[in-house]
């Protein structure tokens, strides 16, 4: 989870530098390339990162009650003003996702003690 979170925070700080354009579709293309490279180079943590990103995307789809017939980027764009706003909304959604996940993990730790 930490690698995905750090990657997203790095992109969020300077999206135009990292993606070439402040666009949800540029982020989508970035992740297609990122995961292709990780799989192609057989990076040992590929599946962990891929599963975490997949969990984030499922969470977004559930939040918007969206099926699988549209890309996650298109779903977010549908509820946004434009590609720029959609990217900003994605980062807000990802922050919410990670906050909920951290709260859940902290509750589990507290319950075990």
N, C-alpha and C. Protein backbone atom coordinates (compact mmCIF):
# COMPACT_ATOMS: atom_id res chain seq x y z
N UNK A 1 0.82 -1.19 0.00
CA UNK A 1 0.00 0.00 0.00
C UNK A 1 0.86 1.26 0.00
N UNK A 2 1.94 1.21 0.73
CA UNK A 2 2.79 2.40 0.88
C UNK A 2 3.36 2.86 -0.46
N UNK A 3 3.76 1.93 -1.32
CA UNK A 3 4.32 2.31 -2.62
C UNK A 3 3.30 3.04 -3.48
N UNK A 4 2.08 2.52 -3.53
CA UNK A 4 1.03 3.16 -4.31
C UNK A 4 0.72 4.54 -3.73
N UNK A 5 0.60 4.62 -2.43
CA UNK A 5 0.30 5.90 -1.77
C UNK A 5 1.39 6.93 -2.08
N UNK A 6 2.65 6.52 -1.95
CA UNK A 6 3.77 7.44 -2.23
C UNK A 6 3.77 7.88 -3.69
N UNK A 7 3.50 6.95 -4.59
CA UNK A 7 3.46 7.28 -6.01
C UNK A 7 2.37 8.31 -6.28
N UNK A 8 1.19 8.08 -5.73
CA UNK A 8 0.08 9.02 -5.93
C UNK A 8 0.38 10.39 -5.33
N UNK A 9 1.01 10.42 -4.17
CA UNK A 9 1.35 11.70 -3.54
C UNK A 9 2.38 12.46 -4.37
N UNK A 10 3.33 11.75 -4.94
CA UNK A 10 4.33 12.38 -5.80
C UNK A 10 3.68 13.00 -7.03
N UNK A 11 2.77 12.26 -7.64
CA UNK A 11 2.06 12.78 -8.82
C UNK A 11 1.18 13.96 -8.42
N UNK A 12 0.50 13.84 -7.29
CA UNK A 12 -0.41 14.89 -6.83
C UNK A 12 0.31 16.22 -6.62
N UNK A 13 1.54 16.17 -6.14
CA UNK A 13 2.29 17.39 -5.87
C UNK A 13 2.59 18.17 -7.14
N UNK A 14 2.91 17.46 -8.22
CA UNK A 14 3.27 18.11 -9.49
C UNK A 14 2.70 17.29 -10.65
N UNK A 15 1.38 17.29 -10.83
CA UNK A 15 0.79 16.42 -11.85
C UNK A 15 1.24 16.74 -13.28
N UNK A 16 1.41 18.00 -13.61
CA UNK A 16 1.81 18.35 -14.97
C UNK A 16 3.22 17.87 -15.26
N UNK A 17 4.10 17.95 -14.28
CA UNK A 17 5.48 17.47 -14.46
C UNK A 17 5.49 15.95 -14.61
N UNK A 18 4.72 15.26 -13.80
CA UNK A 18 4.73 13.79 -13.81
C UNK A 18 3.94 13.18 -14.96
N UNK A 19 2.85 13.86 -15.36
CA UNK A 19 1.94 13.29 -16.35
C UNK A 19 1.97 13.99 -17.70
N UNK A 20 2.57 15.16 -17.77
CA UNK A 20 2.60 15.92 -19.02
C UNK A 20 1.42 16.85 -19.17
N UNK A 21 0.31 16.52 -18.52
CA UNK A 21 -0.90 17.35 -18.56
C UNK A 21 -1.72 17.02 -17.31
N UNK A 22 -2.40 18.00 -16.77
CA UNK A 22 -3.24 17.82 -15.58
C UNK A 22 -4.54 17.16 -16.03
N UNK A 23 -4.50 15.85 -16.24
CA UNK A 23 -5.62 15.14 -16.86
C UNK A 23 -5.79 13.76 -16.25
N UNK A 24 -7.03 13.39 -15.99
CA UNK A 24 -7.33 12.06 -15.47
C UNK A 24 -6.90 10.98 -16.46
N UNK A 25 -7.01 11.26 -17.76
CA UNK A 25 -6.63 10.25 -18.76
C UNK A 25 -5.12 10.10 -18.87
N UNK A 26 -4.38 11.13 -18.55
CA UNK A 26 -2.92 11.00 -18.50
C UNK A 26 -2.51 10.15 -17.30
N UNK A 27 -3.24 10.28 -16.19
CA UNK A 27 -2.98 9.41 -15.04
C UNK A 27 -3.31 7.96 -15.38
N UNK A 28 -4.41 7.75 -16.05
CA UNK A 28 -4.80 6.40 -16.46
C UNK A 28 -3.71 5.79 -17.35
N UNK A 29 -3.22 6.55 -18.32
CA UNK A 29 -2.16 6.07 -19.20
C UNK A 29 -0.88 5.80 -18.42
N UNK A 30 -0.57 6.66 -17.45
CA UNK A 30 0.60 6.46 -16.60
C UNK A 30 0.52 5.10 -15.91
N UNK A 31 -0.64 4.79 -15.31
CA UNK A 31 -0.76 3.53 -14.60
C UNK A 31 -0.77 2.32 -15.53
N UNK A 32 -1.32 2.45 -16.72
CA UNK A 32 -1.20 1.36 -17.69
C UNK A 32 0.27 1.06 -17.96
N UNK A 33 1.05 2.10 -18.21
CA UNK A 33 2.48 1.93 -18.46
C UNK A 33 3.24 1.44 -17.25
N UNK A 34 2.92 1.98 -16.09
CA UNK A 34 3.58 1.62 -14.84
C UNK A 34 3.42 0.13 -14.55
N UNK A 35 2.18 -0.36 -14.65
CA UNK A 35 1.95 -1.77 -14.34
C UNK A 35 2.44 -2.69 -15.46
N UNK A 36 2.43 -2.23 -16.69
CA UNK A 36 3.02 -3.02 -17.76
C UNK A 36 4.51 -3.20 -17.51
N UNK A 37 5.19 -2.12 -17.15
CA UNK A 37 6.63 -2.18 -16.88
C UNK A 37 6.92 -3.10 -15.70
N UNK A 38 6.16 -2.97 -14.63
CA UNK A 38 6.39 -3.81 -13.46
C UNK A 38 6.20 -5.29 -13.78
N UNK A 39 5.16 -5.58 -14.55
CA UNK A 39 4.90 -6.98 -14.92
C UNK A 39 5.98 -7.48 -15.87
N UNK A 40 6.35 -6.66 -16.84
CA UNK A 40 7.34 -7.05 -17.84
C UNK A 40 8.71 -7.31 -17.20
N UNK A 41 9.09 -6.49 -16.23
CA UNK A 41 10.38 -6.65 -15.56
C UNK A 41 10.32 -7.63 -14.39
N UNK A 42 9.12 -8.21 -14.19
CA UNK A 42 8.90 -9.19 -13.12
C UNK A 42 9.33 -8.66 -11.76
N UNK A 43 8.89 -7.45 -11.47
CA UNK A 43 9.17 -6.85 -10.17
C UNK A 43 8.49 -7.67 -9.09
N UNK A 44 9.19 -8.00 -8.00
CA UNK A 44 8.63 -8.89 -6.98
C UNK A 44 7.38 -8.35 -6.29
N UNK A 45 7.24 -7.06 -6.19
CA UNK A 45 6.09 -6.49 -5.49
C UNK A 45 4.98 -6.06 -6.45
N UNK A 46 5.05 -6.52 -7.69
CA UNK A 46 4.07 -6.13 -8.70
C UNK A 46 2.65 -6.47 -8.25
N UNK A 47 2.41 -7.72 -7.85
CA UNK A 47 1.05 -8.14 -7.52
C UNK A 47 0.49 -7.38 -6.33
N UNK A 48 1.31 -7.11 -5.34
CA UNK A 48 0.84 -6.36 -4.17
C UNK A 48 0.38 -4.97 -4.57
N UNK A 49 1.19 -4.29 -5.37
CA UNK A 49 0.83 -2.95 -5.83
C UNK A 49 -0.38 -2.98 -6.75
N UNK A 50 -0.42 -3.97 -7.64
CA UNK A 50 -1.54 -4.08 -8.56
C UNK A 50 -2.84 -4.33 -7.79
N UNK A 51 -2.79 -5.21 -6.81
CA UNK A 51 -3.99 -5.50 -6.01
C UNK A 51 -4.45 -4.26 -5.25
N UNK A 52 -3.51 -3.49 -4.74
CA UNK A 52 -3.87 -2.27 -4.01
C UNK A 52 -4.54 -1.26 -4.94
N UNK A 53 -3.99 -1.09 -6.14
CA UNK A 53 -4.59 -0.18 -7.10
C UNK A 53 -5.97 -0.69 -7.51
N UNK A 54 -6.08 -2.00 -7.72
CA UNK A 54 -7.37 -2.60 -8.08
C UNK A 54 -8.39 -2.37 -6.96
N UNK A 55 -7.97 -2.49 -5.71
CA UNK A 55 -8.88 -2.21 -4.59
C UNK A 55 -9.35 -0.76 -4.60
N UNK A 56 -8.44 0.15 -4.90
CA UNK A 56 -8.80 1.57 -4.99
C UNK A 56 -9.83 1.78 -6.10
N UNK A 57 -9.60 1.18 -7.25
CA UNK A 57 -10.52 1.35 -8.38
C UNK A 57 -11.88 0.74 -8.06
N UNK A 58 -11.89 -0.43 -7.42
CA UNK A 58 -13.17 -1.04 -7.02
C UNK A 58 -13.92 -0.15 -6.03
N UNK A 59 -13.19 0.43 -5.11
CA UNK A 59 -13.79 1.32 -4.12
C UNK A 59 -14.42 2.53 -4.82
N UNK A 60 -13.72 3.09 -5.79
CA UNK A 60 -14.25 4.23 -6.55
C UNK A 60 -15.51 3.82 -7.31
N UNK A 61 -15.46 2.67 -7.97
CA UNK A 61 -16.63 2.19 -8.71
C UNK A 61 -17.83 1.99 -7.77
N UNK A 62 -17.58 1.42 -6.60
CA UNK A 62 -18.66 1.23 -5.62
C UNK A 62 -19.21 2.56 -5.13
N UNK A 63 -18.32 3.50 -4.90
CA UNK A 63 -18.75 4.83 -4.42
C UNK A 63 -19.69 5.50 -5.42
N UNK A 64 -19.39 5.35 -6.70
CA UNK A 64 -20.22 5.96 -7.74
C UNK A 64 -21.27 5.00 -8.30
N UNK A 65 -21.34 3.80 -7.72
CA UNK A 65 -22.28 2.77 -8.18
C UNK A 65 -22.13 2.56 -9.70
N UNK A 66 -20.88 2.43 -10.12
CA UNK A 66 -20.56 2.27 -11.55
C UNK A 66 -20.18 0.82 -11.84
N UNK A 67 -20.62 0.34 -12.97
CA UNK A 67 -20.25 -1.01 -13.40
C UNK A 67 -18.87 -1.02 -14.02
N UNK A 68 -18.56 -2.13 -14.66
CA UNK A 68 -17.23 -2.30 -15.26
C UNK A 68 -17.21 -1.96 -16.75
N UNK A 69 -18.30 -1.44 -17.28
CA UNK A 69 -18.34 -1.19 -18.73
C UNK A 69 -17.70 0.14 -19.12
N UNK A 70 -17.27 0.94 -18.13
CA UNK A 70 -16.57 2.20 -18.41
C UNK A 70 -15.28 2.20 -17.61
N UNK A 71 -14.27 2.86 -18.14
CA UNK A 71 -13.00 2.93 -17.41
C UNK A 71 -13.20 3.76 -16.14
N UNK A 72 -12.35 3.50 -15.16
CA UNK A 72 -12.45 4.24 -13.90
C UNK A 72 -12.26 5.74 -14.14
N UNK A 73 -11.40 6.08 -15.09
CA UNK A 73 -11.17 7.50 -15.40
C UNK A 73 -12.43 8.13 -16.00
N UNK A 74 -13.13 7.39 -16.84
CA UNK A 74 -14.37 7.90 -17.43
C UNK A 74 -15.46 8.08 -16.39
N UNK A 75 -15.50 7.17 -15.42
CA UNK A 75 -16.49 7.27 -14.34
C UNK A 75 -16.26 8.56 -13.55
N UNK A 76 -15.02 8.81 -13.18
CA UNK A 76 -14.71 10.02 -12.42
C UNK A 76 -14.98 11.27 -13.26
N UNK A 77 -14.62 11.22 -14.54
CA UNK A 77 -14.87 12.37 -15.42
C UNK A 77 -16.36 12.68 -15.52
N UNK A 78 -17.19 11.65 -15.54
CA UNK A 78 -18.64 11.84 -15.63
C UNK A 78 -19.16 12.72 -14.49
N UNK A 79 -18.54 12.61 -13.32
CA UNK A 79 -18.96 13.37 -12.15
C UNK A 79 -18.11 14.62 -11.92
N UNK A 80 -17.36 15.02 -12.93
CA UNK A 80 -16.46 16.17 -12.82
C UNK A 80 -16.75 17.16 -13.94
N UNK A 81 -16.18 18.35 -13.80
CA UNK A 81 -16.38 19.39 -14.82
C UNK A 81 -15.57 19.13 -16.08
N UNK A 82 -14.33 18.67 -15.91
CA UNK A 82 -13.43 18.43 -17.04
C UNK A 82 -12.32 17.48 -16.57
N UNK A 83 -11.37 17.20 -17.46
CA UNK A 83 -10.28 16.26 -17.14
C UNK A 83 -9.44 16.74 -15.97
N UNK A 84 -9.23 18.03 -15.88
CA UNK A 84 -8.44 18.60 -14.78
C UNK A 84 -9.15 18.40 -13.45
N UNK A 85 -10.42 18.74 -13.42
CA UNK A 85 -11.23 18.55 -12.21
C UNK A 85 -11.32 17.06 -11.86
N UNK A 86 -11.42 16.22 -12.86
CA UNK A 86 -11.49 14.77 -12.62
C UNK A 86 -10.22 14.26 -11.95
N UNK A 87 -9.07 14.77 -12.36
CA UNK A 87 -7.81 14.36 -11.72
C UNK A 87 -7.79 14.81 -10.27
N UNK A 88 -8.20 16.04 -10.02
CA UNK A 88 -8.28 16.53 -8.64
C UNK A 88 -9.25 15.68 -7.82
N UNK A 89 -10.38 15.32 -8.42
CA UNK A 89 -11.35 14.46 -7.74
C UNK A 89 -10.76 13.08 -7.46
N UNK A 90 -9.98 12.55 -8.39
CA UNK A 90 -9.33 11.26 -8.16
C UNK A 90 -8.44 11.32 -6.92
N UNK A 91 -7.66 12.38 -6.80
CA UNK A 91 -6.77 12.50 -5.64
C UNK A 91 -7.56 12.63 -4.34
N UNK A 92 -8.67 13.34 -4.38
CA UNK A 92 -9.53 13.41 -3.19
C UNK A 92 -10.08 12.03 -2.84
N UNK A 93 -10.52 11.30 -3.86
CA UNK A 93 -11.04 9.95 -3.64
C UNK A 93 -9.95 9.02 -3.10
N UNK A 94 -8.76 9.11 -3.67
CA UNK A 94 -7.68 8.23 -3.19
C UNK A 94 -7.30 8.57 -1.76
N UNK A 95 -7.30 9.86 -1.40
CA UNK A 95 -7.03 10.24 -0.01
C UNK A 95 -8.09 9.66 0.92
N UNK A 96 -9.34 9.74 0.50
CA UNK A 96 -10.44 9.18 1.31
C UNK A 96 -10.28 7.66 1.45
N UNK A 97 -9.95 6.99 0.36
CA UNK A 97 -9.74 5.54 0.37
C UNK A 97 -8.65 5.15 1.36
N UNK A 98 -7.50 5.82 1.28
CA UNK A 98 -6.39 5.47 2.17
C UNK A 98 -6.69 5.84 3.62
N UNK A 99 -7.42 6.91 3.84
CA UNK A 99 -7.80 7.28 5.21
C UNK A 99 -8.72 6.22 5.81
N UNK A 100 -9.69 5.77 5.04
CA UNK A 100 -10.59 4.71 5.52
C UNK A 100 -9.82 3.43 5.79
N UNK A 101 -8.91 3.11 4.90
CA UNK A 101 -8.12 1.88 5.06
C UNK A 101 -7.25 1.97 6.32
N UNK A 102 -6.62 3.11 6.54
CA UNK A 102 -5.79 3.30 7.74
C UNK A 102 -6.63 3.24 9.01
N UNK A 103 -7.81 3.85 8.98
CA UNK A 103 -8.71 3.80 10.15
C UNK A 103 -9.11 2.37 10.45
N UNK A 104 -9.42 1.60 9.41
CA UNK A 104 -9.80 0.20 9.58
C UNK A 104 -8.65 -0.60 10.17
N UNK A 105 -7.44 -0.40 9.65
CA UNK A 105 -6.27 -1.11 10.16
C UNK A 105 -5.98 -0.72 11.60
N UNK A 106 -6.11 0.55 11.94
CA UNK A 106 -5.88 1.00 13.31
C UNK A 106 -6.91 0.42 14.27
N UNK A 107 -8.16 0.31 13.83
CA UNK A 107 -9.20 -0.30 14.67
C UNK A 107 -8.89 -1.76 14.93
N UNK A 108 -8.40 -2.46 13.91
CA UNK A 108 -8.04 -3.87 14.08
C UNK A 108 -6.90 -4.02 15.06
N UNK A 109 -5.93 -3.13 15.01
CA UNK A 109 -4.80 -3.17 15.95
C UNK A 109 -5.30 -2.92 17.36
N UNK A 110 -6.18 -1.91 17.52
CA UNK A 110 -6.72 -1.59 18.84
C UNK A 110 -7.54 -2.75 19.41
N UNK A 111 -8.30 -3.43 18.55
CA UNK A 111 -9.12 -4.56 19.00
C UNK A 111 -8.27 -5.75 19.43
N UNK A 112 -7.10 -5.90 18.85
CA UNK A 112 -6.22 -7.02 19.19
C UNK A 112 -5.47 -6.78 20.50
N UNK A 113 -5.36 -5.53 20.91
CA UNK A 113 -4.59 -5.22 22.13
C UNK A 113 -5.41 -5.37 23.35
